C-alpha atoms as a PDB file:
ATOM      1  CA  MET A   1       0.358  -0.153  -0.084  1.00  0.00           C
ATOM      2  CA  PRO A   2       1.350   3.392  -1.067  1.00  0.00           C
ATOM      3  CA  ASP A   3       2.159   5.352   2.381  1.00  0.00           C
ATOM      4  CA  PHE A   4      -0.295   8.198   1.220  1.00  0.00           C
ATOM      5  CA  LEU A   5      -2.878   5.931   1.396  1.00  0.00           C
ATOM      6  CA  LYS A   6      -2.054   4.735   5.106  1.00  0.00           C
ATOM      7  CA  PRO A   7      -3.437   7.648   7.078  1.00  0.00           C
ATOM      8  CA  VAL A   8      -6.834   7.020   4.948  1.00  0.00           C
ATOM      9  CA  SER A   9      -6.873   3.059   5.466  1.00  0.00           C
ATOM     10  CA  GLY A  10      -6.875   3.656   9.786  1.00  0.00           C
ATOM     11  CA  PHE A  11     -10.574   5.409   9.233  1.00  0.00           C
ATOM     12  CA  ARG A  12     -12.316   2.207   7.266  1.00  0.00           C
ATOM     13  CA  VAL A  13     -14.187   1.338  10.061  1.00  0.00           C
ATOM     14  CA  THR A  14     -15.476   4.611  11.144  1.00  0.00           C
ATOM     15  CA  PHE A  15     -15.720   5.006   7.582  1.00  0.00           C
ATOM     16  CA  GLY A  16     -18.204   1.662   7.352  1.00  0.00           C
ATOM     17  CA  GLY A  17     -20.276   2.974  10.547  1.00  0.00           C
ATOM     18  CA  MET A  18     -21.247   5.820   9.265  1.00  0.00           C
ATOM     19  CA  PHE A  19     -23.351   4.683   6.378  1.00  0.00           C
ATOM     20  CA  LYS A  20     -25.051   2.378   8.727  1.00  0.00           C
ATOM     21  CA  PRO A  21     -28.399   2.853  10.088  1.00  0.00           C
ATOM     22  CA  PRO A  22     -28.261   3.910  14.079  1.00  0.00           C
ATOM     23  CA  ILE A  23     -28.440   1.134  16.533  1.00  0.00           C
ATOM     24  CA  THR A  24     -28.922   3.824  19.538  1.00  0.00           C
ATOM     25  CA  GLU A  25     -32.366   3.314  21.652  1.00  0.00           C
ATOM     26  CA  GLU A  26     -34.294   5.849  22.831  1.00  0.00           C
ATOM     27  CA  TYR A  27     -34.342   5.491  26.267  1.00  0.00           C
ATOM     28  CA  PRO A  28     -35.646   6.433  28.773  1.00  0.00           C
ATOM     29  CA  GLU A  29     -39.043   7.425  26.044  1.00  0.00           C
ATOM     30  CA  VAL A  30     -38.557   3.846  24.403  1.00  0.00           C
ATOM     31  CA  LYS A  31     -38.014   1.360  27.878  1.00  0.00           C
ATOM     32  CA  ARG A  32     -37.044  -2.339  26.204  1.00  0.00           C
ATOM     33  CA  PRO A  33     -38.563  -5.281  28.289  1.00  0.00           C
ATOM     34  CA  THR A  34     -36.396  -7.077  30.142  1.00  0.00           C
ATOM     35  CA  ALA A  35     -35.977 -11.028  30.247  1.00  0.00           C
ATOM     36  CA  PRO A  36     -38.312 -12.585  32.841  1.00  0.00           C
ATOM     37  CA  ARG A  37     -35.299 -13.685  35.041  1.00  0.00           C
ATOM     38  CA  TYR A  38     -33.974 -10.314  35.122  1.00  0.00           C
ATOM     39  CA  HIS A  39     -32.197  -9.689  38.547  1.00  0.00           C
ATOM     40  CA  GLY A  40     -32.938  -6.227  39.154  1.00  0.00           C
ATOM     41  CA  ARG A  41     -34.789  -4.295  43.197  1.00  0.00           C
ATOM     42  CA  HIS A  42     -35.429  -7.172  45.682  1.00  0.00           C
ATOM     43  CA  GLN A  43     -39.206  -7.400  46.919  1.00  0.00           C
ATOM     44  CA  LEU A  44     -40.105  -8.462  50.362  1.00  0.00           C
ATOM     45  CA  ASN A  45     -42.684 -10.806  50.155  1.00  0.00           C
ATOM     46  CA  ARG A  46     -46.211 -11.162  52.049  1.00  0.00           C
ATOM     47  CA  HIS A  47     -48.744 -13.402  52.718  1.00  0.00           C
ATOM     48  CA  PRO A  48     -51.724 -13.766  50.845  1.00  0.00           C
ATOM     49  CA  GLY A  49     -53.283 -12.295  54.441  1.00  0.00           C
ATOM     50  CA  GLY A  50     -50.992  -9.819  54.429  1.00  0.00           C
ATOM     51  CA  LEU A  51     -48.369 -10.916  56.732  1.00  0.00           C
ATOM     52  CA  GLU A  52     -45.265 -10.964  56.009  1.00  0.00           C
ATOM     53  CA  LYS A  53     -43.302 -13.745  54.784  1.00  0.00           C
ATOM     54  CA  CYS A  54     -39.527 -12.510  56.200  1.00  0.00           C
ATOM     55  CA  ILE A  55     -39.184 -14.273  59.431  1.00  0.00           C
ATOM     56  CA  GLY A  56     -36.177 -12.472  60.037  1.00  0.00           C
ATOM     57  CA  CYS A  57     -33.250 -15.371  60.055  1.00  0.00           C
ATOM     58  CA  GLU A  58     -30.587 -13.380  58.790  1.00  0.00           C
ATOM     59  CA  LEU A  59     -30.058 -15.785  56.064  1.00  0.00           C
ATOM     60  CA  CYS A  60     -29.832 -13.610  52.839  1.00  0.00           C
ATOM     61  CA  ALA A  61     -27.201 -11.567  54.980  1.00  0.00           C
ATOM     62  CA  TRP A  62     -25.019 -14.373  55.319  1.00  0.00           C
ATOM     63  CA  ALA A  63     -25.240 -15.363  51.780  1.00  0.00           C
ATOM     64  CA  CYS A  64     -24.437 -11.462  50.322  1.00  0.00           C
ATOM     65  CA  PRO A  65     -20.803 -11.674  49.173  1.00  0.00           C
ATOM     66  CA  ALA A  66     -20.953  -8.084  49.067  1.00  0.00           C
ATOM     67  CA  ASP A  67     -21.945  -7.590  52.912  1.00  0.00           C
ATOM     68  CA  ALA A  68     -25.609  -5.252  50.990  1.00  0.00           C
ATOM     69  CA  ILE A  69     -28.054  -6.592  53.284  1.00  0.00           C
ATOM     70  CA  TYR A  70     -28.306  -5.984  56.689  1.00  0.00           C
ATOM     71  CA  VAL A  71     -31.366  -7.552  59.011  1.00  0.00           C
ATOM     72  CA  GLU A  72     -32.112  -7.462  62.329  1.00  0.00           C
ATOM     73  CA  GLY A  73     -35.282  -9.846  63.702  1.00  0.00           C
ATOM     74  CA  ALA A  74     -37.419  -9.579  66.585  1.00  0.00           C
ATOM     75  CA  ASP A  75     -40.148 -11.476  68.500  1.00  0.00           C
ATOM     76  CA  ASN A  76     -43.749 -11.522  67.427  1.00  0.00           C
ATOM     77  CA  THR A  77     -45.628 -10.783  69.825  1.00  0.00           C
ATOM     78  CA  PRO A  78     -49.866 -11.575  70.922  1.00  0.00           C
ATOM     79  CA  ASP A  79     -50.230  -7.206  70.401  1.00  0.00           C
ATOM     80  CA  GLU A  80     -48.343  -7.351  67.431  1.00  0.00           C
ATOM     81  CA  ARG A  81     -47.374  -9.921  64.969  1.00  0.00           C
ATOM     82  CA  TYR A  82     -46.003  -8.669  61.323  1.00  0.00           C
ATOM     83  CA  SER A  83     -45.392 -12.612  60.093  1.00  0.00           C
ATOM     84  CA  PRO A  84     -46.576 -16.311  60.983  1.00  0.00           C
ATOM     85  CA  GLY A  85     -44.150 -18.230  63.060  1.00  0.00           C
ATOM     86  CA  GLU A  86     -41.672 -16.984  65.803  1.00  0.00           C
ATOM     87  CA  ARG A  87     -39.742 -14.350  64.919  1.00  0.00           C
ATOM     88  CA  TYR A  88     -40.427 -11.093  61.973  1.00  0.00           C
ATOM     89  CA  GLY A  89     -37.277  -8.835  60.508  1.00  0.00           C
ATOM     90  CA  ARG A  90     -38.161  -5.281  62.194  1.00  0.00           C
ATOM     91  CA  VAL A  91     -35.362  -4.002  60.547  1.00  0.00           C
ATOM     92  CA  TYR A  92     -34.274  -4.514  57.057  1.00  0.00           C
ATOM     93  CA  GLN A  93     -31.566  -2.954  54.289  1.00  0.00           C
ATOM     94  CA  ILE A  94     -30.086  -3.406  51.358  1.00  0.00           C
ATOM     95  CA  ASN A  95     -27.211  -1.132  50.017  1.00  0.00           C
ATOM     96  CA  TYR A  96     -27.624  -0.738  46.080  1.00  0.00           C
ATOM     97  CA  LEU A  97     -23.914   0.921  46.123  1.00  0.00           C
ATOM     98  CA  ARG A  98     -22.531  -2.574  47.178  1.00  0.00           C
ATOM     99  CA  CYS A  99     -25.479  -4.931  45.813  1.00  0.00           C
ATOM    100  CA  ILE A 100     -24.542  -7.334  42.561  1.00  0.00           C
ATOM    101  CA  GLY A 101     -26.864  -8.354  41.657  1.00  0.00           C
ATOM    102  CA  CYS A 102     -25.880 -11.928  42.029  1.00  0.00           C
ATOM    103  CA  GLY A 103     -29.477 -13.337  44.128  1.00  0.00           C
ATOM    104  CA  LEU A 104     -27.118 -15.538  46.084  1.00  0.00           C
ATOM    105  CA  CYS A 105     -29.495 -14.096  48.640  1.00  0.00           C
ATOM    106  CA  ILE A 106     -32.424 -15.247  47.236  1.00  0.00           C
ATOM    107  CA  GLU A 107     -31.636 -18.335  46.525  1.00  0.00           C
ATOM    108  CA  ALA A 108     -30.989 -18.669  51.001  1.00  0.00           C
ATOM    109  CA  CYS A 109     -34.566 -17.199  51.803  1.00  0.00           C
ATOM    110  CA  PRO A 110     -36.218 -20.296  53.290  1.00  0.00           C
ATOM    111  CA  THR A 111     -40.029 -19.206  52.501  1.00  0.00           C
ATOM    112  CA  ARG A 112     -39.252 -17.337  49.628  1.00  0.00           C
ATOM    113  CA  ALA A 113     -39.724 -13.577  51.250  1.00  0.00           C
ATOM    114  CA  LEU A 114     -37.385 -12.101  49.271  1.00  0.00           C
ATOM    115  CA  THR A 115     -37.272 -12.299  45.532  1.00  0.00           C
ATOM    116  CA  MET A 116     -36.084  -9.859  42.513  1.00  0.00           C
ATOM    117  CA  THR A 117     -38.400  -7.833  40.544  1.00  0.00           C
ATOM    118  CA  ASN A 118     -37.956  -6.130  37.237  1.00  0.00           C
ATOM    119  CA  GLU A 119     -37.610  -2.876  38.547  1.00  0.00           C
ATOM    120  CA  TYR A 120     -34.016  -1.313  37.365  1.00  0.00           C
ATOM    121  CA  GLU A 121     -34.447   2.747  37.361  1.00  0.00           C
ATOM    122  CA  MET A 122     -32.515   2.816  40.605  1.00  0.00           C
ATOM    123  CA  ALA A 123     -30.319   5.520  39.563  1.00  0.00           C
ATOM    124  CA  ASP A 124     -29.772   8.340  42.039  1.00  0.00           C
ATOM    125  CA  ASP A 125     -27.401  11.525  43.032  1.00  0.00           C
ATOM    126  CA  ASN A 126     -27.770  10.438  46.557  1.00  0.00           C
ATOM    127  CA  ARG A 127     -25.882   7.756  48.079  1.00  0.00           C
ATOM    128  CA  ALA A 128     -28.205   7.800  51.055  1.00  0.00           C
ATOM    129  CA  ASP A 129     -31.265   7.102  49.037  1.00  0.00           C
ATOM    130  CA  LEU A 130     -29.727   4.268  47.871  1.00  0.00           C
ATOM    131  CA  ILE A 131     -29.861   2.552  50.964  1.00  0.00           C
ATOM    132  CA  TYR A 132     -33.331   0.271  50.820  1.00  0.00           C
ATOM    133  CA  GLU A 133     -35.531   0.357  54.156  1.00  0.00           C
ATOM    134  CA  LYS A 134     -38.324  -1.830  55.002  1.00  0.00           C
ATOM    135  CA  ASP A 135     -40.497   0.310  54.156  1.00  0.00           C
ATOM    136  CA  ARG A 136     -39.723   0.653  50.905  1.00  0.00           C
ATOM    137  CA  LEU A 137     -38.997  -3.132  49.815  1.00  0.00           C
ATOM    138  CA  LEU A 138     -42.178  -4.755  50.899  1.00  0.00           C
ATOM    139  CA  ALA A 139     -44.596  -5.670  48.194  1.00  0.00           C
ATOM    140  CA  PRO A 140     -47.711  -3.577  48.215  1.00  0.00           C
ATOM    141  CA  LEU A 141     -50.524  -4.421  50.222  1.00  0.00           C
ATOM    142  CA  PRO A 142     -53.205  -5.955  47.875  1.00  0.00           C
ATOM    143  CA  ALA A 143     -56.410  -3.758  48.340  1.00  0.00           C
ATOM    144  CA  GLY A 144     -58.847  -4.596  51.169  1.00  0.00           C
ATOM    145  CA  VAL A 145     -56.288  -6.483  53.441  1.00  0.00           C
ATOM    146  CA  GLU A 146     -55.186  -5.160  56.578  1.00  0.00           C
ATOM    147  CA  PRO A 147     -52.027  -4.158  56.748  1.00  0.00           C
ATOM    148  CA  PRO A 148     -49.750  -5.828  59.686  1.00  0.00           C
ATOM    149  CA  PRO A 149     -49.450  -5.784  62.422  1.00  0.00           C
ATOM    150  CA  HIS A 150     -52.567  -8.318  63.208  1.00  0.00           C
ATOM    151  CA  ASP A 151     -53.436 -12.005  64.524  1.00  0.00           C
ATOM    152  CA  MET A 152     -53.217 -15.091  61.917  1.00  0.00           C
ATOM    153  CA  ALA A 153     -56.325 -16.315  60.042  1.00  0.00           C
ATOM    154  CA  PRO A 154     -58.511 -18.323  62.899  1.00  0.00           C
ATOM    155  CA  GLY A 155     -57.671 -21.772  63.477  1.00  0.00           C
ATOM    156  CA  SER A 156     -54.174 -21.195  61.331  1.00  0.00           C
ATOM    157  CA  THR A 157     -50.705 -22.460  61.954  1.00  0.00           C
ATOM    158  CA  GLU A 158     -47.225 -21.295  61.001  1.00  0.00           C
ATOM    159  CA  GLU A 159     -47.624 -24.100  58.543  1.00  0.00           C
ATOM    160  CA  ASN A 160     -51.074 -23.178  56.607  1.00  0.00           C
ATOM    161  CA  TYR A 161     -48.989 -20.418  55.425  1.00  0.00           C
ATOM    162  CA  TYR A 162     -46.730 -21.953  53.990  1.00  0.00           C
ATOM    163  CA  ARG A 163     -48.578 -24.102  52.319  1.00  0.00           C
ATOM    164  CA  GLY A 164     -50.486 -21.496  51.107  1.00  0.00           C
ATOM    165  CA  GLU A 165     -53.651 -22.016  52.533  1.00  0.00           C
ATOM    166  CA  ILE A 166     -54.696 -18.593  53.900  1.00  0.00           C
ATOM    167  CA  THR A 167     -57.050 -16.611  51.264  1.00  0.00           C
ATOM    168  CA  PRO A 168     -56.254 -13.181  50.566  1.00  0.00           C
ATOM    169  CA  ASP A 169     -58.823 -12.324  53.016  1.00  0.00           C
ATOM    170  CA  GLY A 170     -57.628 -13.665  55.774  1.00  0.00           C
ATOM    171  CA  ARG A 171     -59.233 -17.427  55.805  1.00  0.00           C
ATOM    172  CA  LEU A 172     -58.158 -21.098  56.300  1.00  0.00           C
ATOM    173  CA  ALA A 173     -58.539 -22.588  53.253  1.00  0.00           C
ATOM    174  CA  PRO A 174     -57.188 -26.352  53.494  1.00  0.00           C
ATOM    175  CA  LEU A 175     -55.659 -27.545  50.050  1.00  0.00           C
ATOM    176  CA  THR A 176     -57.494 -30.931  49.338  1.00  0.00           C
ATOM    177  CA  GLU A 177     -54.993 -34.112  48.553  1.00  0.00           C
ATOM    178  CA  SER A 178     -54.875 -34.964  45.411  1.00  0.00           C
ATOM    179  CA  PRO A 179     -55.799 -38.495  44.159  1.00  0.00           C
ATOM    180  CA  ARG A 180     -51.915 -38.987  43.185  1.00  0.00           C
ATOM    181  CA  ALA A 181     -51.447 -38.022  46.964  1.00  0.00           C
ATOM    182  CA  ALA A 182     -54.332 -39.766  48.230  1.00  0.00           C
ATOM    183  CA  THR A 183     -53.462 -43.065  46.973  1.00  0.00           C
ATOM    184  CA  GLY A 184     -49.813 -42.552  48.490  1.00  0.00           C
ATOM    185  CA  ALA A 185     -48.028 -42.674  45.191  1.00  0.00           C
ATOM    186  CA  HIS A 186     -46.258 -39.396  46.429  1.00  0.00           C
ATOM    187  CA  ALA A 187     -46.931 -39.253  49.991  1.00  0.00           C
ATOM    188  CA  ALA A 188     -44.316 -37.827  52.221  1.00  0.00           C
ATOM    189  CA  ARG A 189     -42.061 -40.214  54.600  1.00  0.00           C
ATOM    190  CA  PRO A 190     -42.912 -39.435  58.557  1.00  0.00           C
ATOM    191  CA  GLY A 191     -39.265 -37.678  59.402  1.00  0.00           C
ATOM    192  CA  SER A 192     -38.539 -36.653  55.507  1.00  0.00           C
ATOM    193  CA  GLY A 193     -39.202 -33.426  56.089  1.00  0.00           C
ATOM    194  CA  GLU A 194     -41.268 -32.908  53.159  1.00  0.00           C
ATOM    195  CA  VAL A 195     -44.473 -31.082  53.129  1.00  0.00           C
ATOM    196  CA  GLY A 196     -47.432 -31.629  50.441  1.00  0.00           C
ATOM    197  CA  GLY A 197     -48.848 -28.262  48.753  1.00  0.00           C
ATOM    198  CA  PRO A 198     -47.587 -25.377  46.163  1.00  0.00           C
ATOM    199  CA  ARG A 199     -44.815 -23.825  48.345  1.00  0.00           C
ATOM    200  CA  ALA A 200     -45.794 -20.573  49.162  1.00  0.00           C
END
């Protein structure tokens, strides 16, 4: 190649890109949908009756490799009940300045209280606002559901909640056994810890 053409050859990629159609995304006017399993903002879920699923066990905080989660558990009392069972998450914080979106906290949660949504617009110009407290992480209450603290459904136990046997209006509706389970084809073995019914 002649020496006078060498500077021009360096612009080959630039000139080639000048005549291609633009692929710029018109964000934020046009927002592309995320994948169904996208790791976005966390959410603390509730049982259908309004009680919180978080039991304050702190397993999510222990599983977090970035030390982004802080949890303080507290005991439920007869006068103030926030979750089924003995304990609830009194303090729950996620520091999104540290969170790496790995999802290990979701896998560690024994009650499926913590999940990740598709929300990704969390940028802020204030560092303090990127530490999400429990009030910003809790799932919204369904219409007509009483916010906690309140009693569990009459006649229910903690197990009924985790089996998904509580209706949105706060009643106990035990699941009926399937024919397969009734014949013992998939019955839980005593002492195995296996519980029938869908996971809440």
